[in-house]
C-alpha atoms as a PDB file:
ATOM      1  CA  MET A   1      -0.001   0.073  -0.055  1.00  0.00           C
ATOM      2  CA  THR A   2       1.476   3.470  -0.808  1.00  0.00           C
ATOM      3  CA  ASP A   3       2.165   5.499   2.050  1.00  0.00           C
ATOM      4  CA  ARG A   4      -0.129   8.369   2.832  1.00  0.00           C
ATOM      5  CA  VAL A   5       0.823  11.892   3.117  1.00  0.00           C
ATOM      6  CA  VAL A   6       0.422  13.668   6.526  1.00  0.00           C
ATOM      7  CA  GLU A   7      -1.427  16.973   5.848  1.00  0.00           C
ATOM      8  CA  GLN A   8       0.462  20.057   6.193  1.00  0.00           C
ATOM      9  CA  ASP A   9      -2.024  21.778   8.544  1.00  0.00           C
ATOM     10  CA  SER A  10      -1.397  19.388  11.202  1.00  0.00           C
ATOM     11  CA  PRO A  11       1.535  19.594  13.907  1.00  0.00           C
ATOM     12  CA  GLN A  12       4.741  17.607  13.267  1.00  0.00           C
ATOM     13  CA  VAL A  13       3.453  14.550  14.715  1.00  0.00           C
ATOM     14  CA  VAL A  14       5.402  11.338  13.567  1.00  0.00           C
ATOM     15  CA  VAL A  15       2.976   8.738  12.303  1.00  0.00           C
ATOM     16  CA  PRO A  16       4.304   5.587  11.507  1.00  0.00           C
ATOM     17  CA  GLY A  17       3.944   4.121   7.924  1.00  0.00           C
ATOM     18  CA  ARG A  18       3.702   7.743   6.529  1.00  0.00           C
ATOM     19  CA  VAL A  19       6.130   9.844   4.672  1.00  0.00           C
ATOM     20  CA  ALA A  20       5.853  13.577   4.797  1.00  0.00           C
ATOM     21  CA  PRO A  21       6.896  15.590   1.640  1.00  0.00           C
ATOM     22  CA  PRO A  22       9.231  18.777   1.929  1.00  0.00           C
ATOM     23  CA  ARG A  23       7.384  21.341   4.241  1.00  0.00           C
ATOM     24  CA  GLY A  24       7.624  23.980   1.565  1.00  0.00           C
ATOM     25  CA  ARG A  25       5.594  22.104  -1.022  1.00  0.00           C
ATOM     26  CA  ARG A  26       3.065  21.176   1.374  1.00  0.00           C
ATOM     27  CA  VAL A  27       2.176  24.793   2.432  1.00  0.00           C
ATOM     28  CA  TRP A  28       2.127  25.807  -1.220  1.00  0.00           C
ATOM     29  CA  VAL A  29      -0.244  23.001  -2.024  1.00  0.00           C
ATOM     30  CA  ALA A  30      -2.408  23.756   0.994  1.00  0.00           C
ATOM     31  CA  ARG A  31      -2.710  27.326   0.443  1.00  0.00           C
ATOM     32  CA  LEU A  32      -3.595  26.829  -3.169  1.00  0.00           C
ATOM     33  CA  ARG A  33      -6.593  24.632  -2.230  1.00  0.00           C
ATOM     34  CA  ASP A  34      -7.737  27.048   0.194  1.00  0.00           C
ATOM     35  CA  PHE A  35      -8.362  29.640  -2.592  1.00  0.00           C
ATOM     36  CA  SER A  36      -9.530  27.026  -5.084  1.00  0.00           C
ATOM     37  CA  LEU A  37     -13.052  28.266  -4.917  1.00  0.00           C
ATOM     38  CA  ILE A  38     -12.307  31.986  -5.575  1.00  0.00           C
ATOM     39  CA  PRO A  39     -12.498  31.610  -9.423  1.00  0.00           C
ATOM     40  CA  VAL A  40     -15.408  29.528  -9.226  1.00  0.00           C
ATOM     41  CA  ILE A  41     -17.346  32.258  -7.376  1.00  0.00           C
ATOM     42  CA  GLY A  42     -15.865  34.622  -9.855  1.00  0.00           C
ATOM     43  CA  LEU A  43     -17.570  32.497 -12.641  1.00  0.00           C
ATOM     44  CA  LEU A  44     -20.914  32.260 -10.847  1.00  0.00           C
ATOM     45  CA  LEU A  45     -21.131  35.998 -10.502  1.00  0.00           C
ATOM     46  CA  LEU A  46     -20.542  36.302 -14.137  1.00  0.00           C
ATOM     47  CA  VAL A  47     -23.169  33.564 -15.241  1.00  0.00           C
ATOM     48  CA  GLY A  48     -25.575  35.163 -12.819  1.00  0.00           C
ATOM     49  CA  PHE A  49     -25.412  38.535 -14.348  1.00  0.00           C
ATOM     50  CA  ILE A  50     -25.826  36.850 -17.832  1.00  0.00           C
ATOM     51  CA  VAL A  51     -28.823  35.149 -16.349  1.00  0.00           C
ATOM     52  CA  SER A  52     -30.435  38.289 -14.869  1.00  0.00           C
ATOM     53  CA  PRO A  53     -28.963  41.862 -14.549  1.00  0.00           C
ATOM     54  CA  ASN A  54     -30.779  42.057 -11.197  1.00  0.00           C
ATOM     55  CA  PHE A  55     -28.361  39.300  -9.963  1.00  0.00           C
ATOM     56  CA  LEU A  56     -25.313  41.799  -9.190  1.00  0.00           C
ATOM     57  CA  THR A  57     -27.454  44.332  -7.472  1.00  0.00           C
ATOM     58  CA  ALA A  58     -26.425  45.309  -4.099  1.00  0.00           C
ATOM     59  CA  GLY A  59     -29.735  44.145  -2.485  1.00  0.00           C
ATOM     60  CA  ASN A  60     -29.414  40.600  -3.851  1.00  0.00           C
ATOM     61  CA  LEU A  61     -25.821  40.025  -3.061  1.00  0.00           C
ATOM     62  CA  THR A  62     -26.639  41.194   0.387  1.00  0.00           C
ATOM     63  CA  ASP A  63     -29.546  39.016   0.666  1.00  0.00           C
ATOM     64  CA  VAL A  64     -27.415  35.882  -0.408  1.00  0.00           C
ATOM     65  CA  LEU A  65     -24.552  36.774   1.910  1.00  0.00           C
ATOM     66  CA  GLN A  66     -27.290  36.982   4.832  1.00  0.00           C
ATOM     67  CA  GLN A  67     -28.559  33.539   4.000  1.00  0.00           C
ATOM     68  CA  CYS A  68     -24.870  32.264   3.804  1.00  0.00           C
ATOM     69  CA  THR A  69     -24.636  33.455   7.551  1.00  0.00           C
ATOM     70  CA  GLU A  70     -27.165  30.907   8.916  1.00  0.00           C
ATOM     71  CA  LEU A  71     -25.819  28.062   7.092  1.00  0.00           C
ATOM     72  CA  SER A  72     -22.016  29.114   7.610  1.00  0.00           C
ATOM     73  CA  LEU A  73     -22.109  28.758  11.373  1.00  0.00           C
ATOM     74  CA  LEU A  74     -23.121  24.915  10.850  1.00  0.00           C
ATOM     75  CA  VAL A  75     -20.447  24.545   8.079  1.00  0.00           C
ATOM     76  CA  LEU A  76     -18.016  26.112  10.376  1.00  0.00           C
ATOM     77  CA  GLY A  77     -18.867  23.820  13.233  1.00  0.00           C
ATOM     78  CA  GLU A  78     -19.022  20.557  10.997  1.00  0.00           C
ATOM     79  CA  ALA A  79     -15.703  21.708   9.491  1.00  0.00           C
ATOM     80  CA  MET A  80     -13.892  21.674  12.697  1.00  0.00           C
ATOM     81  CA  ILE A  81     -15.658  18.189  13.604  1.00  0.00           C
ATOM     82  CA  LEU A  82     -14.650  16.640  10.110  1.00  0.00           C
ATOM     83  CA  ILE A  83     -11.085  18.039  10.452  1.00  0.00           C
ATOM     84  CA  ALA A  84     -10.641  16.186  13.898  1.00  0.00           C
ATOM     85  CA  GLY A  85     -11.740  12.975  12.035  1.00  0.00           C
ATOM     86  CA  ARG A  86     -15.390  12.795  13.247  1.00  0.00           C
ATOM     87  CA  MET A  87     -19.116  13.656  12.171  1.00  0.00           C
ATOM     88  CA  ASP A  88     -22.046  15.193  13.849  1.00  0.00           C
ATOM     89  CA  LEU A  89     -25.315  15.057  11.677  1.00  0.00           C
ATOM     90  CA  SER A  90     -27.465  16.398  14.599  1.00  0.00           C
ATOM     91  CA  LEU A  91     -26.359  20.126  13.924  1.00  0.00           C
ATOM     92  CA  GLU A  92     -29.517  20.696  11.452  1.00  0.00           C
ATOM     93  CA  SER A  93     -31.867  19.520  14.385  1.00  0.00           C
ATOM     94  CA  THR A  94     -30.115  21.903  16.786  1.00  0.00           C
ATOM     95  CA  VAL A  95     -30.762  24.908  14.832  1.00  0.00           C
ATOM     96  CA  GLY A  96     -34.315  24.278  15.215  1.00  0.00           C
ATOM     97  CA  VAL A  97     -34.774  22.694  18.746  1.00  0.00           C
ATOM     98  CA  ALA A  98     -32.628  25.135  20.539  1.00  0.00           C
ATOM     99  CA  PRO A  99     -34.716  28.140  19.556  1.00  0.00           C
ATOM    100  CA  VAL A 100     -37.749  25.937  20.219  1.00  0.00           C
ATOM    101  CA  LEU A 101     -36.773  25.119  23.654  1.00  0.00           C
ATOM    102  CA  ALA A 102     -35.717  28.387  24.589  1.00  0.00           C
ATOM    103  CA  ALA A 103     -38.873  30.067  23.481  1.00  0.00           C
ATOM    104  CA  TRP A 104     -40.820  27.371  25.497  1.00  0.00           C
ATOM    105  CA  LEU A 105     -39.265  28.341  28.629  1.00  0.00           C
ATOM    106  CA  VAL A 106     -39.693  31.984  28.243  1.00  0.00           C
ATOM    107  CA  ILE A 107     -43.135  32.391  26.477  1.00  0.00           C
ATOM    108  CA  PRO A 108     -46.053  32.428  29.009  1.00  0.00           C
ATOM    109  CA  ALA A 109     -48.964  29.709  28.483  1.00  0.00           C
ATOM    110  CA  HIS A 110     -51.542  32.387  27.676  1.00  0.00           C
ATOM    111  CA  GLY A 111     -51.839  35.339  25.608  1.00  0.00           C
ATOM    112  CA  GLY A 112     -50.873  33.628  22.250  1.00  0.00           C
ATOM    113  CA  ARG A 113     -51.326  30.765  20.100  1.00  0.00           C
ATOM    114  CA  PHE A 114     -48.018  29.010  21.373  1.00  0.00           C
ATOM    115  CA  ALA A 115     -48.452  27.830  24.874  1.00  0.00           C
ATOM    116  CA  GLY A 116     -45.070  27.970  26.925  1.00  0.00           C
ATOM    117  CA  LEU A 117     -43.884  27.773  30.465  1.00  0.00           C
ATOM    118  CA  GLY A 118     -43.044  31.071  30.932  1.00  0.00           C
ATOM    119  CA  VAL A 119     -40.670  29.993  33.915  1.00  0.00           C
ATOM    120  CA  LEU A 120     -37.724  32.357  32.662  1.00  0.00           C
ATOM    121  CA  PRO A 121     -37.357  36.143  31.827  1.00  0.00           C
ATOM    122  CA  THR A 122     -37.435  37.006  28.157  1.00  0.00           C
ATOM    123  CA  TRP A 123     -34.095  38.596  28.135  1.00  0.00           C
ATOM    124  CA  SER A 124     -32.542  34.979  28.778  1.00  0.00           C
ATOM    125  CA  THR A 125     -33.900  33.685  25.637  1.00  0.00           C
ATOM    126  CA  VAL A 126     -30.303  33.993  23.434  1.00  0.00           C
ATOM    127  CA  PRO A 127     -28.158  32.749  26.269  1.00  0.00           C
ATOM    128  CA  LEU A 128     -30.674  29.867  27.032  1.00  0.00           C
ATOM    129  CA  CYS A 129     -30.634  29.003  23.331  1.00  0.00           C
ATOM    130  CA  LEU A 130     -26.812  28.835  23.240  1.00  0.00           C
ATOM    131  CA  LEU A 131     -26.649  26.841  26.467  1.00  0.00           C
ATOM    132  CA  ILE A 132     -29.133  24.315  25.062  1.00  0.00           C
ATOM    133  CA  GLY A 133     -26.880  24.041  21.853  1.00  0.00           C
ATOM    134  CA  ALA A 134     -23.641  23.525  24.057  1.00  0.00           C
ATOM    135  CA  LEU A 135     -25.565  20.897  26.286  1.00  0.00           C
ATOM    136  CA  ILE A 136     -26.546  19.128  22.991  1.00  0.00           C
ATOM    137  CA  GLY A 137     -22.954  19.118  21.939  1.00  0.00           C
ATOM    138  CA  LEU A 138     -21.518  17.962  25.518  1.00  0.00           C
ATOM    139  CA  ILE A 139     -23.795  14.846  25.145  1.00  0.00           C
ATOM    140  CA  ASN A 140     -22.540  14.096  21.621  1.00  0.00           C
ATOM    141  CA  GLY A 141     -18.803  14.721  22.764  1.00  0.00           C
ATOM    142  CA  LEU A 142     -19.306  12.365  25.845  1.00  0.00           C
ATOM    143  CA  VAL A 143     -20.626   9.637  23.817  1.00  0.00           C
ATOM    144  CA  ALA A 144     -18.040   9.819  21.103  1.00  0.00           C
ATOM    145  CA  THR A 145     -15.066  10.054  23.627  1.00  0.00           C
ATOM    146  CA  LYS A 146     -16.189   8.227  26.685  1.00  0.00           C
ATOM    147  CA  ILE A 147     -18.542   5.480  25.562  1.00  0.00           C
ATOM    148  CA  ARG A 148     -16.879   5.204  22.212  1.00  0.00           C
ATOM    149  CA  ILE A 149     -20.039   5.087  20.195  1.00  0.00           C
ATOM    150  CA  ASN A 150     -19.563   5.773  16.608  1.00  0.00           C
ATOM    151  CA  ALA A 151     -20.072   9.410  16.287  1.00  0.00           C
ATOM    152  CA  PHE A 152     -22.125   9.196  12.800  1.00  0.00           C
ATOM    153  CA  ILE A 153     -24.605   6.676  14.119  1.00  0.00           C
ATOM    154  CA  TRP A 154     -25.230   8.623  17.586  1.00  0.00           C
ATOM    155  CA  THR A 155     -25.666  11.810  16.115  1.00  0.00           C
ATOM    156  CA  LEU A 156     -27.951  10.399  13.375  1.00  0.00           C
ATOM    157  CA  GLY A 157     -30.097   9.132  16.064  1.00  0.00           C
ATOM    158  CA  MET A 158     -29.759  12.481  18.182  1.00  0.00           C
ATOM    159  CA  LEU A 159     -30.895  14.264  14.723  1.00  0.00           C
ATOM    160  CA  ILE A 160     -34.060  12.257  14.749  1.00  0.00           C
ATOM    161  CA  ALA A 161     -34.742  12.560  18.406  1.00  0.00           C
ATOM    162  CA  LEU A 162     -34.160  16.223  18.445  1.00  0.00           C
ATOM    163  CA  ARG A 163     -36.208  16.710  15.335  1.00  0.00           C
ATOM    164  CA  GLY A 164     -39.084  14.788  17.221  1.00  0.00           C
ATOM    165  CA  LEU A 165     -38.806  16.971  20.339  1.00  0.00           C
ATOM    166  CA  GLN A 166     -38.898  20.174  18.185  1.00  0.00           C
ATOM    167  CA  LEU A 167     -42.146  18.970  16.461  1.00  0.00           C
ATOM    168  CA  GLY A 168     -43.533  17.556  19.751  1.00  0.00           C
ATOM    169  CA  ILE A 169     -43.117  21.282  21.654  1.00  0.00           C
ATOM    170  CA  SER A 170     -44.153  23.327  18.611  1.00  0.00           C
ATOM    171  CA  GLY A 171     -47.072  21.023  17.825  1.00  0.00           C
ATOM    172  CA  GLY A 172     -45.849  20.985  14.159  1.00  0.00           C
ATOM    173  CA  ALA A 173     -46.659  24.676  13.789  1.00  0.00           C
ATOM    174  CA  SER A 174     -44.417  27.686  13.186  1.00  0.00           C
ATOM    175  CA  ILE A 175     -44.076  29.781  16.316  1.00  0.00           C
ATOM    176  CA  PHE A 176     -44.534  33.621  15.609  1.00  0.00           C
ATOM    177  CA  GLU A 177     -44.754  34.977  19.232  1.00  0.00           C
ATOM    178  CA  VAL A 178     -41.002  35.187  19.362  1.00  0.00           C
ATOM    179  CA  PRO A 179     -39.255  37.290  21.987  1.00  0.00           C
ATOM    180  CA  ALA A 180     -37.611  40.573  20.769  1.00  0.00           C
ATOM    181  CA  SER A 181     -33.985  39.388  21.842  1.00  0.00           C
ATOM    182  CA  LEU A 182     -34.253  36.533  19.548  1.00  0.00           C
ATOM    183  CA  ARG A 183     -35.053  38.401  16.578  1.00  0.00           C
ATOM    184  CA  TYR A 184     -32.404  41.237  17.164  1.00  0.00           C
ATOM    185  CA  LEU A 185     -29.325  39.510  15.499  1.00  0.00           C
ATOM    186  CA  GLY A 186     -31.124  38.599  12.309  1.00  0.00           C
ATOM    187  CA  HIS A 187     -33.098  41.582  11.996  1.00  0.00           C
ATOM    188  CA  THR A 188     -30.823  44.295  12.864  1.00  0.00           C
ATOM    189  CA  ALA A 189     -28.183  46.323  10.907  1.00  0.00           C
ATOM    190  CA  TRP A 190     -24.851  47.552  12.008  1.00  0.00           C
ATOM    191  CA  PHE A 191     -22.845  50.186  10.017  1.00  0.00           C
ATOM    192  CA  GLY A 192     -25.495  49.804   6.993  1.00  0.00           C
ATOM    193  CA  GLN A 193     -25.106  46.014   6.621  1.00  0.00           C
ATOM    194  CA  PRO A 194     -26.991  43.141   8.771  1.00  0.00           C
ATOM    195  CA  ALA A 195     -25.858  42.354  12.151  1.00  0.00           C
ATOM    196  CA  SER A 196     -25.320  38.633  11.043  1.00  0.00           C
ATOM    197  CA  LEU A 197     -22.849  39.403   8.650  1.00  0.00           C
ATOM    198  CA  TRP A 198     -20.609  41.288  11.283  1.00  0.00           C
ATOM    199  CA  VAL A 199     -21.157  38.169  13.650  1.00  0.00           C
ATOM    200  CA  CYS A 200     -20.380  35.616  11.284  1.00  0.00           C
ATOM    201  CA  GLY A 201     -17.270  37.428   9.830  1.00  0.00           C
ATOM    202  CA  LEU A 202     -15.950  37.776  13.361  1.00  0.00           C
ATOM    203  CA  ILE A 203     -16.522  34.153  14.281  1.00  0.00           C
ATOM    204  CA  PHE A 204     -14.895  32.803  11.194  1.00  0.00           C
ATOM    205  CA  LEU A 205     -11.886  35.258  11.813  1.00  0.00           C
ATOM    206  CA  VAL A 206     -11.373  33.882  15.219  1.00  0.00           C
ATOM    207  CA  GLY A 207     -11.668  30.382  13.892  1.00  0.00           C
ATOM    208  CA  ILE A 208      -9.276  30.793  10.981  1.00  0.00           C
ATOM    209  CA  VAL A 209      -6.622  32.372  13.259  1.00  0.00           C
ATOM    210  CA  THR A 210      -7.128  29.830  15.922  1.00  0.00           C
ATOM    211  CA  LEU A 211      -6.665  26.828  13.675  1.00  0.00           C
ATOM    212  CA  GLY A 212      -4.051  28.541  11.702  1.00  0.00           C
ATOM    213  CA  TRP A 213      -1.867  29.909  14.539  1.00  0.00           C
ATOM    214  CA  PHE A 214      -2.733  28.406  17.810  1.00  0.00           C
ATOM    215  CA  ARG A 215      -1.560  25.190  19.275  1.00  0.00           C
ATOM    216  CA  HIS A 216      -5.080  23.893  20.387  1.00  0.00           C
ATOM    217  CA  GLY A 217      -6.578  24.874  17.089  1.00  0.00           C
ATOM    218  CA  ARG A 218      -3.914  22.906  15.051  1.00  0.00           C
ATOM    219  CA  SER A 219      -4.261  19.928  17.218  1.00  0.00           C
ATOM    220  CA  LEU A 220      -7.573  19.283  15.408  1.00  0.00           C
ATOM    221  CA  TYR A 221      -5.453  18.201  12.156  1.00  0.00           C
ATOM    222  CA  ALA A 222      -3.238  15.797  14.120  1.00  0.00           C
ATOM    223  CA  ILE A 223      -6.217  14.218  15.802  1.00  0.00           C
ATOM    224  CA  GLY A 224      -7.839  13.809  12.408  1.00  0.00           C
ATOM    225  CA  GLY A 225      -4.766  12.449  10.701  1.00  0.00           C
ATOM    226  CA  ASN A 226      -4.065   9.981  13.396  1.00  0.00           C
ATOM    227  CA  ALA A 227      -5.487  10.028  16.957  1.00  0.00           C
ATOM    228  CA  GLU A 228      -3.312   7.672  18.377  1.00  0.00           C
ATOM    229  CA  ALA A 229      -0.276   9.416  17.179  1.00  0.00           C
ATOM    230  CA  ALA A 230      -1.633  12.743  18.354  1.00  0.00           C
ATOM    231  CA  ARG A 231      -2.315  11.261  22.003  1.00  0.00           C
ATOM    232  CA  THR A 232       1.318   9.944  21.985  1.00  0.00           C
ATOM    233  CA  ALA A 233       2.543  13.340  21.101  1.00  0.00           C
ATOM    234  CA  GLY A 234       0.933  14.700  24.383  1.00  0.00           C
ATOM    235  CA  ILE A 235      -2.544  16.165  22.882  1.00  0.00           C
ATOM    236  CA  ARG A 236      -5.451  15.334  25.047  1.00  0.00           C
ATOM    237  CA  THR A 237      -7.612  14.384  22.209  1.00  0.00           C
ATOM    238  CA  ASP A 238     -10.722  13.479  24.386  1.00  0.00           C
ATOM    239  CA  ARG A 239     -10.764  16.934  25.810  1.00  0.00           C
ATOM    240  CA  VAL A 240     -10.118  18.593  22.431  1.00  0.00           C
ATOM    241  CA  LEU A 241     -12.878  16.586  20.734  1.00  0.00           C
ATOM    242  CA  LEU A 242     -15.331  17.403  23.572  1.00  0.00           C
ATOM    243  CA  ILE A 243     -14.802  20.982  23.182  1.00  0.00           C
ATOM    244  CA  VAL A 244     -15.127  20.786  19.420  1.00  0.00           C
ATOM    245  CA  PHE A 245     -18.557  19.033  19.676  1.00  0.00           C
ATOM    246  CA  MET A 246     -19.736  21.683  22.197  1.00  0.00           C
ATOM    247  CA  LEU A 247     -18.686  24.697  19.985  1.00  0.00           C
ATOM    248  CA  ALA A 248     -20.145  23.097  16.973  1.00  0.00           C
ATOM    249  CA  SER A 249     -23.441  22.801  18.583  1.00  0.00           C
ATOM    250  CA  THR A 250     -23.419  26.276  20.066  1.00  0.00           C
ATOM    251  CA  LEU A 251     -22.576  27.650  16.764  1.00  0.00           C
ATOM    252  CA  ALA A 252     -25.592  25.615  15.325  1.00  0.00           C
ATOM    253  CA  ALA A 253     -27.892  27.300  17.815  1.00  0.00           C
ATOM    254  CA  LEU A 254     -26.441  30.649  17.136  1.00  0.00           C
ATOM    255  CA  GLY A 255     -27.306  29.936  13.391  1.00  0.00           C
ATOM    256  CA  GLY A 256     -30.915  28.934  14.617  1.00  0.00           C
ATOM    257  CA  ILE A 257     -31.064  32.557  16.367  1.00  0.00           C
ATOM    258  CA  LEU A 258     -29.917  34.308  13.122  1.00  0.00           C
ATOM    259  CA  TYR A 259     -32.388  32.140  11.087  1.00  0.00           C
ATOM    260  CA  VAL A 260     -35.290  33.242  13.518  1.00  0.00           C
ATOM    261  CA  GLY A 261     -34.416  37.147  13.484  1.00  0.00           C
ATOM    262  CA  HIS A 262     -34.085  36.916   9.773  1.00  0.00           C
ATOM    263  CA  TYR A 263     -37.638  35.503   9.085  1.00  0.00           C
ATOM    264  CA  GLY A 264     -39.251  36.642  12.177  1.00  0.00           C
ATOM    265  CA  SER A 265     -40.494  33.200  13.307  1.00  0.00           C
ATOM    266  CA  ILE A 266     -39.490  29.852  14.445  1.00  0.00           C
ATOM    267  CA  SER A 267     -40.384  27.455  11.494  1.00  0.00           C
ATOM    268  CA  ALA A 268     -41.847  24.350  12.338  1.00  0.00           C
ATOM    269  CA  THR A 269     -39.227  22.593   9.901  1.00  0.00           C
ATOM    270  CA  GLN A 270     -36.423  24.803  10.779  1.00  0.00           C
ATOM    271  CA  GLY A 271     -32.857  23.241   9.761  1.00  0.00           C
ATOM    272  CA  GLN A 272     -34.480  20.154   8.200  1.00  0.00           C
ATOM    273  CA  GLY A 273     -32.274  19.001   5.310  1.00  0.00           C
ATOM    274  CA  TRP A 274     -29.645  21.588   6.041  1.00  0.00           C
ATOM    275  CA  ILE A 275     -27.195  18.806   6.656  1.00  0.00           C
ATOM    276  CA  PHE A 276     -26.758  18.214   3.087  1.00  0.00           C
ATOM    277  CA  GLN A 277     -25.991  21.572   2.266  1.00  0.00           C
ATOM    278  CA  VAL A 278     -23.614  21.635   5.216  1.00  0.00           C
ATOM    279  CA  PHE A 279     -21.660  18.555   3.770  1.00  0.00           C
ATOM    280  CA  ALA A 280     -21.859  19.949   0.201  1.00  0.00           C
ATOM    281  CA  ALA A 281     -20.390  23.234   1.224  1.00  0.00           C
ATOM    282  CA  ALA A 282     -17.700  21.613   3.521  1.00  0.00           C
ATOM    283  CA  VAL A 283     -16.555  19.224   0.687  1.00  0.00           C
ATOM    284  CA  ILE A 284     -16.392  21.459  -2.024  1.00  0.00           C
ATOM    285  CA  GLY A 285     -14.448  23.926   0.298  1.00  0.00           C
ATOM    286  CA  GLY A 286     -11.692  21.296   0.519  1.00  0.00           C
ATOM    287  CA  VAL A 287     -12.681  19.682   3.999  1.00  0.00           C
ATOM    288  CA  SER A 288     -11.798  15.990   3.897  1.00  0.00           C
ATOM    289  CA  LEU A 289     -14.436  13.644   5.165  1.00  0.00           C
ATOM    290  CA  ASN A 290     -11.436  11.398   6.326  1.00  0.00           C
ATOM    291  CA  GLY A 291     -10.251  14.012   8.847  1.00  0.00           C
ATOM    292  CA  GLY A 292      -6.758  16.050   8.905  1.00  0.00           C
ATOM    293  CA  ARG A 293      -7.365  17.994   5.905  1.00  0.00           C
ATOM    294  CA  GLY A 294      -9.265  21.347   5.217  1.00  0.00           C
ATOM    295  CA  SER A 295      -9.604  24.887   6.262  1.00  0.00           C
ATOM    296  CA  LEU A 296     -12.365  27.160   7.458  1.00  0.00           C
ATOM    297  CA  PHE A 297     -11.873  29.897   4.871  1.00  0.00           C
ATOM    298  CA  GLY A 298     -12.161  27.090   2.319  1.00  0.00           C
ATOM    299  CA  ALA A 299     -15.309  25.956   3.969  1.00  0.00           C
ATOM    300  CA  LEU A 300     -16.605  29.508   3.860  1.00  0.00           C
ATOM    301  CA  THR A 301     -15.988  29.914   0.257  1.00  0.00           C
ATOM    302  CA  GLY A 302     -18.016  26.579  -0.166  1.00  0.00           C
ATOM    303  CA  VAL A 303     -20.883  28.097   1.538  1.00  0.00           C
ATOM    304  CA  VAL A 304     -20.704  31.250  -0.726  1.00  0.00           C
ATOM    305  CA  ALA A 305     -20.264  29.092  -3.854  1.00  0.00           C
ATOM    306  CA  LEU A 306     -23.416  26.978  -2.750  1.00  0.00           C
ATOM    307  CA  GLN A 307     -25.432  29.802  -1.946  1.00  0.00           C
ATOM    308  CA  LEU A 308     -24.639  31.390  -5.411  1.00  0.00           C
ATOM    309  CA  ILE A 309     -25.426  28.553  -7.209  1.00  0.00           C
ATOM    310  CA  ILE A 310     -28.934  28.218  -5.510  1.00  0.00           C
ATOM    311  CA  ASN A 311     -29.471  31.975  -6.267  1.00  0.00           C
ATOM    312  CA  VAL A 312     -28.335  31.502 -10.034  1.00  0.00           C
ATOM    313  CA  LEU A 313     -30.967  28.645 -10.380  1.00  0.00           C
ATOM    314  CA  THR A 314     -33.616  30.781  -8.567  1.00  0.00           C
ATOM    315  CA  PHE A 315     -32.937  33.781 -11.249  1.00  0.00           C
ATOM    316  CA  ALA A 316     -32.977  31.080 -14.007  1.00  0.00           C
ATOM    317  CA  HIS A 317     -36.426  29.743 -12.777  1.00  0.00           C
ATOM    318  CA  VAL A 318     -35.333  26.189 -12.061  1.00  0.00           C
ATOM    319  CA  PRO A 319     -38.066  24.773  -9.460  1.00  0.00           C
ATOM    320  CA  PRO A 320     -36.541  24.654  -5.787  1.00  0.00           C
ATOM    321  CA  ALA A 321     -37.358  20.901  -5.911  1.00  0.00           C
ATOM    322  CA  TRP A 322     -34.059  20.328  -7.747  1.00  0.00           C
ATOM    323  CA  ASP A 323     -32.006  22.042  -5.048  1.00  0.00           C
ATOM    324  CA  GLN A 324     -31.319  18.656  -3.203  1.00  0.00           C
ATOM    325  CA  MET A 325     -30.259  16.946  -6.517  1.00  0.00           C
ATOM    326  CA  VAL A 326     -27.795  19.793  -6.978  1.00  0.00           C
ATOM    327  CA  ASP A 327     -26.447  19.360  -3.746  1.00  0.00           C
ATOM    328  CA  GLY A 328     -25.779  15.840  -4.063  1.00  0.00           C
ATOM    329  CA  VAL A 329     -24.147  16.167  -7.534  1.00  0.00           C
ATOM    330  CA  ILE A 330     -21.782  18.688  -6.015  1.00  0.00           C
ATOM    331  CA  ILE A 331     -20.896  16.572  -3.177  1.00  0.00           C
ATOM    332  CA  LEU A 332     -20.147  13.706  -5.650  1.00  0.00           C
ATOM    333  CA  MET A 333     -17.919  15.908  -8.002  1.00  0.00           C
ATOM    334  CA  ALA A 334     -16.087  17.176  -4.940  1.00  0.00           C
ATOM    335  CA  LEU A 335     -15.273  13.905  -3.659  1.00  0.00           C
ATOM    336  CA  VAL A 336     -13.881  12.641  -7.144  1.00  0.00           C
ATOM    337  CA  VAL A 337     -11.867  15.967  -7.488  1.00  0.00           C
ATOM    338  CA  SER A 338     -10.635  15.529  -3.924  1.00  0.00           C
ATOM    339  CA  ARG A 339      -9.725  12.047  -4.398  1.00  0.00           C
ATOM    340  CA  PHE A 340      -7.337  12.879  -7.187  1.00  0.00           C
ATOM    341  CA  THR A 341      -5.738  16.025  -6.042  1.00  0.00           C
ATOM    342  CA  SER A 342      -4.834  14.524  -2.620  1.00  0.00           C
ATOM    343  CA  GLY A 343      -3.145  11.556  -4.619  1.00  0.00           C
ATOM    344  CA  GLU A 344      -5.391   8.909  -2.648  1.00  0.00           C
ATOM    345  CA  ALA A 345      -6.482   7.674  -6.123  1.00  0.00           C
ATOM    346  CA  GLN A 346      -3.056   5.863  -6.447  1.00  0.00           C
ATOM    347  CA  ASP A 347      -3.612   3.585  -3.351  1.00  0.00           C
END
């Protein structure tokens, strides 16, 4: 079997049976891969303008970017988990169940169509939503690191259970009696631009810097490349994975908050089917499903490219029913391209 190459983005952990190429070439290849979708985004902008002159208007591009914010937080969380060699399918359910649970605890039982408990003050809605997300991530992380149940199977079950919890509490109906604090970030503008753009931009900046220049962030690559070698090198793999699962679910809950603020209500199907887009964006952004490879900047460009494709299809009057097929085709094409560019096709 041909030796596999240790990814550049991981710390210098010696992995038996693997040969690392010269560091300079690995840096160049990794950085080139991070920017590989920039020409694609430029081409999509050109195609969109050809399809409709209204595509390149400031209003439409702002709408596209704001739609990216909600999905991008899930992609950021999933990208970190994938880089660490795990998966979390329950993020799409966390987007919906965290706001529903928070609203249920703060909205009173009378005065509206949605009957809540009303046991907590309305100002606590946002912190409570984020806390619920972190708790879901804590459960997933403990199961993955302590009980050692396969994360894919466990989070698939969590996806179904959390979706059922959301439908049970909401009664299968959208919630319109949303506290003002839950609507703020997705509805407010800062310096002439949606607040959600500033929030997501800051979070991605912190994530990119952390994974690129800080030891704890870069340890994700070592864990995803070879967890046993990372543990031997002194990395506390279980603790790192637990933190990553909690961060990812908290980001998913924040994505749910932005979605609620953007549309002014908690949809009964909020987050449903998002996981397909999350994986599509992550994969085309260069994040490996095998772990140890990828970047948050690449994942971000994957989100933008995916939303631009959907927007172009909308202007071209393609029915939305085809969107899921497009996501699937994009994932398949990205996997094939990744297989050859990584050199794994020769194994």
